[in-house]
Amino acid sequence: MAALVSPRPANEDCFRTSIRRALALGRLAEFRRRLHGLLTGRADVLSELIDAIMGADHPVTSLVQLSLEPEFRRGHGALYDALAAWEYRRRRPG
């Protein structure tokens, strides 16, 4: 008589899924931390801009449209100010 092999317990699969999810979130957090470190001047606003771009569920055709996304919690003036500051720092010699 062949031995019956019982399937893995459901809680083991759930545990493995939880571990994979935690590792993925850790990698995402590290990526976001490094990206934030690369942004100069108004990094908080630029981070929200990136979140708005990534979170949009439709094609975004304007900056004002991005400022209306829930991930972007500031007014469109802050968006333009942050982009202008970033562009100025990017083009500044030295």
PDB file of N, CA and C in Angstrom:
ATOM      1  N   MET A   1       0.844  -1.170   0.000  1.00  0.00           N
ATOM      2  CA  MET A   1       0.000   0.000   0.000  1.00  0.00           C
ATOM      3  C   MET A   1       0.888   1.231   0.000  1.00  0.00           C
ATOM      4  N   ALA A   2       0.633   2.128  -0.922  1.00  0.00           N
ATOM      5  CA  ALA A   2       1.440   3.343  -1.045  1.00  0.00           C
ATOM      6  C   ALA A   2       1.107   4.299   0.088  1.00  0.00           C
ATOM      7  N   ALA A   3       2.154   4.953   0.563  1.00  0.00           N
ATOM      8  CA  ALA A   3       1.954   5.928   1.643  1.00  0.00           C
ATOM      9  C   ALA A   3       1.252   7.154   1.071  1.00  0.00           C
ATOM     10  N   LEU A   4       0.324   7.637   1.824  1.00  0.00           N
ATOM     11  CA  LEU A   4      -0.370   8.848   1.411  1.00  0.00           C
ATOM     12  C   LEU A   4       0.502  10.056   1.720  1.00  0.00           C
ATOM     13  N   VAL A   5       0.668  10.897   0.724  1.00  0.00           N
ATOM     14  CA  VAL A   5       1.456  12.116   0.913  1.00  0.00           C
ATOM     15  C   VAL A   5       0.481  13.258   1.095  1.00  0.00           C
ATOM     16  N   SER A   6       0.552  13.860   2.231  1.00  0.00           N
ATOM     17  CA  SER A   6      -0.375  14.970   2.473  1.00  0.00           C
ATOM     18  C   SER A   6       0.202  16.245   1.876  1.00  0.00           C
ATOM     19  N   PRO A   7      -0.654  17.070   1.325  1.00  0.00           N
ATOM     20  CA  PRO A   7      -0.171  18.334   0.762  1.00  0.00           C
ATOM     21  C   PRO A   7       0.359  19.226   1.873  1.00  0.00           C
ATOM     22  N   ARG A   8       1.166  20.194   1.464  1.00  0.00           N
ATOM     23  CA  ARG A   8       1.687  21.130   2.460  1.00  0.00           C
ATOM     24  C   ARG A   8       0.524  21.831   3.143  1.00  0.00           C
ATOM     25  N   PRO A   9       0.675  22.106   4.399  1.00  0.00           N
ATOM     26  CA  PRO A   9      -0.401  22.838   5.085  1.00  0.00           C
ATOM     27  C   PRO A   9      -0.580  24.228   4.466  1.00  0.00           C
ATOM     28  N   ALA A  10      -1.808  24.682   4.452  1.00  0.00           N
ATOM     29  CA  ALA A  10      -2.107  25.991   3.871  1.00  0.00           C
ATOM     30  C   ALA A  10      -1.350  27.096   4.584  1.00  0.00           C
ATOM     31  N   ASN A  11      -1.149  26.959   5.884  1.00  0.00           N
ATOM     32  CA  ASN A  11      -0.461  28.016   6.615  1.00  0.00           C
ATOM     33  C   ASN A  11       1.012  28.122   6.201  1.00  0.00           C
ATOM     34  N   GLU A  12       1.604  27.034   5.708  1.00  0.00           N
ATOM     35  CA  GLU A  12       2.987  27.090   5.221  1.00  0.00           C
ATOM     36  C   GLU A  12       3.047  27.920   3.935  1.00  0.00           C
ATOM     37  N   ASP A  13       2.092  27.731   3.045  1.00  0.00           N
ATOM     38  CA  ASP A  13       2.031  28.534   1.821  1.00  0.00           C
ATOM     39  C   ASP A  13       1.809  30.002   2.158  1.00  0.00           C
ATOM     40  N   CYS A  14       0.940  30.252   3.101  1.00  0.00           N
ATOM     41  CA  CYS A  14       0.665  31.624   3.525  1.00  0.00           C
ATOM     42  C   CYS A  14       1.926  32.257   4.120  1.00  0.00           C
ATOM     43  N   PHE A  15       2.663  31.474   4.896  1.00  0.00           N
ATOM     44  CA  PHE A  15       3.903  31.956   5.503  1.00  0.00           C
ATOM     45  C   PHE A  15       4.930  32.303   4.418  1.00  0.00           C
ATOM     46  N   ARG A  16       5.084  31.426   3.432  1.00  0.00           N
ATOM     47  CA  ARG A  16       6.040  31.682   2.346  1.00  0.00           C
ATOM     48  C   ARG A  16       5.635  32.936   1.557  1.00  0.00           C
ATOM     49  N   THR A  17       4.352  33.091   1.301  1.00  0.00           N
ATOM     50  CA  THR A  17       3.867  34.275   0.597  1.00  0.00           C
ATOM     51  C   THR A  17       4.155  35.535   1.399  1.00  0.00           C
ATOM     52  N   SER A  18       3.938  35.468   2.694  1.00  0.00           N
ATOM     53  CA  SER A  18       4.207  36.625   3.559  1.00  0.00           C
ATOM     54  C   SER A  18       5.683  36.995   3.556  1.00  0.00           C
ATOM     55  N   ILE A  19       6.547  35.986   3.563  1.00  0.00           N
ATOM     56  CA  ILE A  19       7.994  36.251   3.539  1.00  0.00           C
ATOM     57  C   ILE A  19       8.392  36.899   2.217  1.00  0.00           C
ATOM     58  N   ARG A  20       7.885  36.368   1.100  1.00  0.00           N
ATOM     59  CA  ARG A  20       8.201  36.966  -0.208  1.00  0.00           C
ATOM     60  C   ARG A  20       7.704  38.408  -0.283  1.00  0.00           C
ATOM     61  N   ARG A  21       6.528  38.647   0.224  1.00  0.00           N
ATOM     62  CA  ARG A  21       5.969  40.005   0.210  1.00  0.00           C
ATOM     63  C   ARG A  21       6.821  40.940   1.076  1.00  0.00           C
ATOM     64  N   ALA A  22       7.233  40.490   2.233  1.00  0.00           N
ATOM     65  CA  ALA A  22       8.059  41.318   3.116  1.00  0.00           C
ATOM     66  C   ALA A  22       9.407  41.627   2.467  1.00  0.00           C
ATOM     67  N   LEU A  23      10.007  40.649   1.808  1.00  0.00           N
ATOM     68  CA  LEU A  23      11.278  40.889   1.133  1.00  0.00           C
ATOM     69  C   LEU A  23      11.115  41.872  -0.020  1.00  0.00           C
ATOM     70  N   ALA A  24      10.028  41.735  -0.771  1.00  0.00           N
ATOM     71  CA  ALA A  24       9.775  42.664  -1.882  1.00  0.00           C
ATOM     72  C   ALA A  24       9.551  44.082  -1.361  1.00  0.00           C
ATOM     73  N   LEU A  25       8.813  44.222  -0.273  1.00  0.00           N
ATOM     74  CA  LEU A  25       8.589  45.550   0.296  1.00  0.00           C
ATOM     75  C   LEU A  25       9.893  46.149   0.818  1.00  0.00           C
ATOM     76  N   GLY A  26      10.760  45.312   1.351  1.00  0.00           N
ATOM     77  CA  GLY A  26      12.066  45.802   1.797  1.00  0.00           C
ATOM     78  C   GLY A  26      12.900  46.310   0.634  1.00  0.00           C
ATOM     79  N   ARG A  27      12.874  45.590  -0.486  1.00  0.00           N
ATOM     80  CA  ARG A  27      13.610  46.044  -1.673  1.00  0.00           C
ATOM     81  C   ARG A  27      13.019  47.345  -2.210  1.00  0.00           C
ATOM     82  N   LEU A  28      11.703  47.439  -2.209  1.00  0.00           N
ATOM     83  CA  LEU A  28      11.041  48.659  -2.667  1.00  0.00           C
ATOM     84  C   LEU A  28      11.398  49.839  -1.759  1.00  0.00           C
ATOM     85  N   ALA A  29      11.389  49.624  -0.460  1.00  0.00           N
ATOM     86  CA  ALA A  29      11.736  50.698   0.481  1.00  0.00           C
ATOM     87  C   ALA A  29      13.171  51.157   0.264  1.00  0.00           C
ATOM     88  N   GLU A  30      14.080  50.230   0.023  1.00  0.00           N
ATOM     89  CA  GLU A  30      15.484  50.583  -0.231  1.00  0.00           C
ATOM     90  C   GLU A  30      15.606  51.368  -1.534  1.00  0.00           C
ATOM     91  N   PHE A  31      14.888  50.956  -2.570  1.00  0.00           N
ATOM     92  CA  PHE A  31      14.897  51.683  -3.839  1.00  0.00           C
ATOM     93  C   PHE A  31      14.401  53.114  -3.636  1.00  0.00           C
ATOM     94  N   ARG A  32      13.283  53.264  -2.915  1.00  0.00           N
ATOM     95  CA  ARG A  32      12.724  54.593  -2.679  1.00  0.00           C
ATOM     96  C   ARG A  32      13.682  55.459  -1.869  1.00  0.00           C
ATOM     97  N   ARG A  33      14.351  54.873  -0.884  1.00  0.00           N
ATOM     98  CA  ARG A  33      15.309  55.633  -0.069  1.00  0.00           C
ATOM     99  C   ARG A  33      16.459  56.127  -0.930  1.00  0.00           C
ATOM    100  N   ARG A  34      16.973  55.270  -1.795  1.00  0.00           N
ATOM    101  CA  ARG A  34      18.087  55.673  -2.667  1.00  0.00           C
ATOM    102  C   ARG A  34      17.644  56.718  -3.688  1.00  0.00           C
ATOM    103  N   LEU A  35      16.468  56.530  -4.256  1.00  0.00           N
ATOM    104  CA  LEU A  35      15.947  57.501  -5.221  1.00  0.00           C
ATOM    105  C   LEU A  35      15.766  58.862  -4.556  1.00  0.00           C
ATOM    106  N   HIS A  36      15.205  58.877  -3.366  1.00  0.00           N
ATOM    107  CA  HIS A  36      15.005  60.130  -2.642  1.00  0.00           C
ATOM    108  C   HIS A  36      16.342  60.817  -2.391  1.00  0.00           C
ATOM    109  N   GLY A  37      17.385  60.051  -2.125  1.00  0.00           N
ATOM    110  CA  GLY A  37      18.712  60.617  -1.907  1.00  0.00           C
ATOM    111  C   GLY A  37      19.304  61.249  -3.159  1.00  0.00           C
ATOM    112  N   LEU A  38      18.874  60.811  -4.326  1.00  0.00           N
ATOM    113  CA  LEU A  38      19.371  61.377  -5.581  1.00  0.00           C
ATOM    114  C   LEU A  38      18.687  62.689  -5.947  1.00  0.00           C
ATOM    115  N   LEU A  39      17.511  62.899  -5.405  1.00  0.00           N
ATOM    116  CA  LEU A  39      16.767  64.111  -5.728  1.00  0.00           C
ATOM    117  C   LEU A  39      17.325  65.277  -4.921  1.00  0.00           C
ATOM    118  N   THR A  40      17.539  66.383  -5.590  1.00  0.00           N
ATOM    119  CA  THR A  40      18.080  67.552  -4.897  1.00  0.00           C
ATOM    120  C   THR A  40      17.022  68.637  -4.841  1.00  0.00           C
ATOM    121  N   GLY A  41      16.920  69.312  -3.744  1.00  0.00           N
ATOM    122  CA  GLY A  41      15.982  70.406  -3.610  1.00  0.00           C
ATOM    123  C   GLY A  41      14.547  69.968  -3.834  1.00  0.00           C
ATOM    124  N   ARG A  42      13.719  70.116  -2.854  1.00  0.00           N
ATOM    125  CA  ARG A  42      12.303  69.755  -2.931  1.00  0.00           C
ATOM    126  C   ARG A  42      12.112  68.268  -3.211  1.00  0.00           C
ATOM    127  N   ALA A  43      12.993  67.456  -2.623  1.00  0.00           N
ATOM    128  CA  ALA A  43      12.927  66.010  -2.845  1.00  0.00           C
ATOM    129  C   ALA A  43      11.581  65.435  -2.435  1.00  0.00           C
ATOM    130  N   ASP A  44      10.970  65.993  -1.405  1.00  0.00           N
ATOM    131  CA  ASP A  44       9.672  65.487  -0.959  1.00  0.00           C
ATOM    132  C   ASP A  44       8.611  65.672  -2.038  1.00  0.00           C
ATOM    133  N   VAL A  45       8.619  66.831  -2.688  1.00  0.00           N
ATOM    134  CA  VAL A  45       7.639  67.092  -3.750  1.00  0.00           C
ATOM    135  C   VAL A  45       7.932  66.213  -4.959  1.00  0.00           C
ATOM    136  N   LEU A  46       9.202  66.088  -5.315  1.00  0.00           N
ATOM    137  CA  LEU A  46       9.560  65.246  -6.460  1.00  0.00           C
ATOM    138  C   LEU A  46       9.211  63.784  -6.202  1.00  0.00           C
ATOM    139  N   SER A  47       9.357  63.338  -4.960  1.00  0.00           N
ATOM    140  CA  SER A  47       8.969  61.964  -4.617  1.00  0.00           C
ATOM    141  C   SER A  47       7.473  61.768  -4.805  1.00  0.00           C
ATOM    142  N   GLU A  48       6.686  62.751  -4.377  1.00  0.00           N
ATOM    143  CA  GLU A  48       5.243  62.659  -4.573  1.00  0.00           C
ATOM    144  C   GLU A  48       4.889  62.685  -6.060  1.00  0.00           C
ATOM    145  N   LEU A  49       5.645  63.450  -6.832  1.00  0.00           N
ATOM    146  CA  LEU A  49       5.420  63.483  -8.277  1.00  0.00           C
ATOM    147  C   LEU A  49       5.653  62.095  -8.876  1.00  0.00           C
ATOM    148  N   ILE A  50       6.723  61.446  -8.475  1.00  0.00           N
ATOM    149  CA  ILE A  50       7.014  60.093  -8.967  1.00  0.00           C
ATOM    150  C   ILE A  50       5.902  59.137  -8.550  1.00  0.00           C
ATOM    151  N   ASP A  51       5.439  59.257  -7.302  1.00  0.00           N
ATOM    152  CA  ASP A  51       4.333  58.413  -6.848  1.00  0.00           C
ATOM    153  C   ASP A  51       3.080  58.649  -7.690  1.00  0.00           C
ATOM    154  N   ALA A  52       2.812  59.912  -8.022  1.00  0.00           N
ATOM    155  CA  ALA A  52       1.631  60.232  -8.835  1.00  0.00           C
ATOM    156  C   ALA A  52       1.754  59.634 -10.233  1.00  0.00           C
ATOM    157  N   ILE A  53       2.952  59.704 -10.804  1.00  0.00           N
ATOM    158  CA  ILE A  53       3.163  59.123 -12.136  1.00  0.00           C
ATOM    159  C   ILE A  53       2.939  57.609 -12.089  1.00  0.00           C
ATOM    160  N   MET A  54       3.524  56.972 -11.085  1.00  0.00           N
ATOM    161  CA  MET A  54       3.420  55.518 -10.989  1.00  0.00           C
ATOM    162  C   MET A  54       2.021  55.058 -10.601  1.00  0.00           C
ATOM    163  N   GLY A  55       1.285  55.896  -9.865  1.00  0.00           N
ATOM    164  CA  GLY A  55      -0.027  55.496  -9.382  1.00  0.00           C
ATOM    165  C   GLY A  55      -1.178  55.831 -10.311  1.00  0.00           C
ATOM    166  N   ALA A  56      -0.926  56.632 -11.333  1.00  0.00           N
ATOM    167  CA  ALA A  56      -2.000  57.025 -12.243  1.00  0.00           C
ATOM    168  C   ALA A  56      -2.517  55.807 -13.001  1.00  0.00           C
ATOM    169  N   ASP A  57      -3.820  55.685 -13.053  1.00  0.00           N
ATOM    170  CA  ASP A  57      -4.418  54.545 -13.759  1.00  0.00           C
ATOM    171  C   ASP A  57      -4.880  54.933 -15.161  1.00  0.00           C
ATOM    172  N   HIS A  58      -4.328  56.018 -15.665  1.00  0.00           N
ATOM    173  CA  HIS A  58      -4.676  56.509 -16.995  1.00  0.00           C
ATOM    174  C   HIS A  58      -3.476  57.255 -17.554  1.00  0.00           C
ATOM    175  N   PRO A  59      -3.419  57.451 -18.859  1.00  0.00           N
ATOM    176  CA  PRO A  59      -2.312  58.232 -19.421  1.00  0.00           C
ATOM    177  C   PRO A  59      -2.368  59.671 -18.901  1.00  0.00           C
ATOM    178  N   VAL A  60      -1.243  60.163 -18.447  1.00  0.00           N
ATOM    179  CA  VAL A  60      -1.173  61.523 -17.926  1.00  0.00           C
ATOM    180  C   VAL A  60      -0.581  62.411 -19.008  1.00  0.00           C
ATOM    181  N   THR A  61      -1.283  63.485 -19.316  1.00  0.00           N
ATOM    182  CA  THR A  61      -0.856  64.338 -20.419  1.00  0.00           C
ATOM    183  C   THR A  61      -0.400  65.715 -19.977  1.00  0.00           C
ATOM    184  N   SER A  62      -0.521  66.035 -18.682  1.00  0.00           N
ATOM    185  CA  SER A  62      -0.083  67.356 -18.227  1.00  0.00           C
ATOM    186  C   SER A  62       0.335  67.298 -16.761  1.00  0.00           C
ATOM    187  N   LEU A  63       1.137  68.273 -16.375  1.00  0.00           N
ATOM    188  CA  LEU A  63       1.569  68.349 -14.983  1.00  0.00           C
ATOM    189  C   LEU A  63       0.399  68.661 -14.061  1.00  0.00           C
ATOM    190  N   VAL A  64      -0.509  69.511 -14.522  1.00  0.00           N
ATOM    191  CA  VAL A  64      -1.671  69.835 -13.701  1.00  0.00           C
ATOM    192  C   VAL A  64      -2.487  68.575 -13.436  1.00  0.00           C
ATOM    193  N   GLN A  65      -2.599  67.726 -14.434  1.00  0.00           N
ATOM    194  CA  GLN A  65      -3.321  66.466 -14.265  1.00  0.00           C
ATOM    195  C   GLN A  65      -2.632  65.599 -13.205  1.00  0.00           C
ATOM    196  N   LEU A  66      -1.299  65.593 -13.197  1.00  0.00           N
ATOM    197  CA  LEU A  66      -0.568  64.842 -12.171  1.00  0.00           C
ATOM    198  C   LEU A  66      -0.832  65.402 -10.785  1.00  0.00           C
ATOM    199  N   SER A  67      -0.946  66.717 -10.691  1.00  0.00           N
ATOM    200  CA  SER A  67      -1.159  67.326  -9.375  1.00  0.00           C
ATOM    201  C   SER A  67      -2.530  66.967  -8.805  1.00  0.00           C
ATOM    202  N   LEU A  68      -3.428  66.429  -9.625  1.00  0.00           N
ATOM    203  CA  LEU A  68      -4.750  66.024  -9.156  1.00  0.00           C
ATOM    204  C   LEU A  68      -4.794  64.570  -8.688  1.00  0.00           C
ATOM    205  N   GLU A  69      -3.715  63.839  -8.912  1.00  0.00           N
ATOM    206  CA  GLU A  69      -3.665  62.446  -8.456  1.00  0.00           C
ATOM    207  C   GLU A  69      -3.614  62.409  -6.922  1.00  0.00           C
ATOM    208  N   PRO A  70      -4.251  61.410  -6.300  1.00  0.00           N
ATOM    209  CA  PRO A  70      -4.276  61.335  -4.830  1.00  0.00           C
ATOM    210  C   PRO A  70      -2.884  61.258  -4.197  1.00  0.00           C
ATOM    211  N   GLU A  71      -1.921  60.678  -4.904  1.00  0.00           N
ATOM    212  CA  GLU A  71      -0.571  60.548  -4.338  1.00  0.00           C
ATOM    213  C   GLU A  71       0.141  61.889  -4.231  1.00  0.00           C
ATOM    214  N   PHE A  72      -0.302  62.861  -5.013  1.00  0.00           N
ATOM    215  CA  PHE A  72       0.315  64.185  -4.960  1.00  0.00           C
ATOM    216  C   PHE A  72      -0.555  65.050  -4.072  1.00  0.00           C
ATOM    217  N   ARG A  73      -0.076  65.299  -2.855  1.00  0.00           N
ATOM    218  CA  ARG A  73      -0.894  65.953  -1.840  1.00  0.00           C
ATOM    219  C   ARG A  73      -0.714  67.462  -1.795  1.00  0.00           C
ATOM    220  N   ARG A  74      -0.045  68.030  -2.750  1.00  0.00           N
ATOM    221  CA  ARG A  74       0.224  69.467  -2.743  1.00  0.00           C
ATOM    222  C   ARG A  74      -0.464  70.125  -3.925  1.00  0.00           C
ATOM    223  N   GLY A  75      -0.382  71.420  -3.973  1.00  0.00           N
ATOM    224  CA  GLY A  75      -0.961  72.147  -5.102  1.00  0.00           C
ATOM    225  C   GLY A  75      -0.044  72.108  -6.310  1.00  0.00           C
ATOM    226  N   HIS A  76      -0.588  72.478  -7.462  1.00  0.00           N
ATOM    227  CA  HIS A  76       0.227  72.420  -8.679  1.00  0.00           C
ATOM    228  C   HIS A  76       1.364  73.438  -8.648  1.00  0.00           C
ATOM    229  N   GLY A  77       1.248  74.494  -7.833  1.00  0.00           N
ATOM    230  CA  GLY A  77       2.342  75.467  -7.700  1.00  0.00           C
ATOM    231  C   GLY A  77       3.599  74.821  -7.141  1.00  0.00           C
ATOM    232  N   ALA A  78       3.434  73.938  -6.158  1.00  0.00           N
ATOM    233  CA  ALA A  78       4.582  73.232  -5.576  1.00  0.00           C
ATOM    234  C   ALA A  78       5.240  72.334  -6.612  1.00  0.00           C
ATOM    235  N   LEU A  79       4.437  71.770  -7.486  1.00  0.00           N
ATOM    236  CA  LEU A  79       4.954  70.906  -8.545  1.00  0.00           C
ATOM    237  C   LEU A  79       5.863  71.691  -9.480  1.00  0.00           C
ATOM    238  N   TYR A  80       5.381  72.832  -9.942  1.00  0.00           N
ATOM    239  CA  TYR A  80       6.190  73.653 -10.851  1.00  0.00           C
ATOM    240  C   TYR A  80       7.434  74.189 -10.149  1.00  0.00           C
ATOM    241  N   ASP A  81       7.298  74.570  -8.881  1.00  0.00           N
ATOM    242  CA  ASP A  81       8.445  75.062  -8.122  1.00  0.00           C
ATOM    243  C   ASP A  81       9.516  73.988  -7.975  1.00  0.00           C
ATOM    244  N   ALA A  82       9.100  72.769  -7.666  1.00  0.00           N
ATOM    245  CA  ALA A  82      10.058  71.668  -7.500  1.00  0.00           C
ATOM    246  C   ALA A  82      10.758  71.342  -8.803  1.00  0.00           C
ATOM    247  N   LEU A  83      10.016  71.319  -9.898  1.00  0.00           N
ATOM    248  CA  LEU A  83      10.637  71.028 -11.192  1.00  0.00           C
ATOM    249  C   LEU A  83      11.599  72.138 -11.613  1.00  0.00           C
ATOM    250  N   ALA A  84      11.239  73.382 -11.332  1.00  0.00           N
ATOM    251  CA  ALA A  84      12.134  74.495 -11.658  1.00  0.00           C
ATOM    252  C   ALA A  84      13.409  74.423 -10.825  1.00  0.00           C
ATOM    253  N   ALA A  85      13.278  74.100  -9.538  1.00  0.00           N
ATOM    254  CA  ALA A  85      14.456  73.978  -8.674  1.00  0.00           C
ATOM    255  C   ALA A  85      15.342  72.833  -9.131  1.00  0.00           C
ATOM    256  N   TRP A  86      14.741  71.724  -9.504  1.00  0.00           N
ATOM    257  CA  TRP A  86      15.509  70.565  -9.979  1.00  0.00           C
ATOM    258  C   TRP A  86      16.233  70.908 -11.272  1.00  0.00           C
ATOM    259  N   GLU A  87      15.549  71.558 -12.191  1.00  0.00           N
ATOM    260  CA  GLU A  87      16.158  71.925 -13.470  1.00  0.00           C
ATOM    261  C   GLU A  87      17.297  72.913 -13.254  1.00  0.00           C
ATOM    262  N   TYR A  88      17.117  73.880 -12.356  1.00  0.00           N
ATOM    263  CA  TYR A  88      18.165  74.853 -12.073  1.00  0.00           C
ATOM    264  C   TYR A  88      19.411  74.147 -11.520  1.00  0.00           C
ATOM    265  N   ARG A  89      19.222  73.246 -10.574  1.00  0.00           N
ATOM    266  CA  ARG A  89      20.361  72.525  -9.985  1.00  0.00           C
ATOM    267  C   ARG A  89      21.040  71.616 -11.012  1.00  0.00           C
ATOM    268  N   ARG A  90      20.224  71.036 -11.880  1.00  0.00           N
ATOM    269  CA  ARG A  90      20.764  70.128 -12.903  1.00  0.00           C
ATOM    270  C   ARG A  90      21.643  70.885 -13.896  1.00  0.00           C
ATOM    271  N   ARG A  91      21.256  72.087 -14.249  1.00  0.00           N
ATOM    272  CA  ARG A  91      21.998  72.859 -15.252  1.00  0.00           C
ATOM    273  C   ARG A  91      23.098  73.721 -14.671  1.00  0.00           C
ATOM    274  N   ARG A  92      23.096  73.894 -13.368  1.00  0.00           N
ATOM    275  CA  ARG A  92      24.077  74.762 -12.721  1.00  0.00           C
ATOM    276  C   ARG A  92      25.471  74.178 -12.892  1.00  0.00           C
ATOM    277  N   PRO A  93      26.423  74.979 -13.352  1.00  0.00           N
ATOM    278  CA  PRO A  93      27.792  74.461 -13.508  1.00  0.00           C
ATOM    279  C   PRO A  93      28.437  74.201 -12.139  1.00  0.00           C
ATOM    280  N   GLY A  94      29.331  73.232 -12.130  1.00  0.00           N
ATOM    281  CA  GLY A  94      30.117  72.962 -10.927  1.00  0.00           C
ATOM    282  C   GLY A  94      29.443  72.025 -10.087  1.00  0.00           C
TER     283      GLY A  94
END
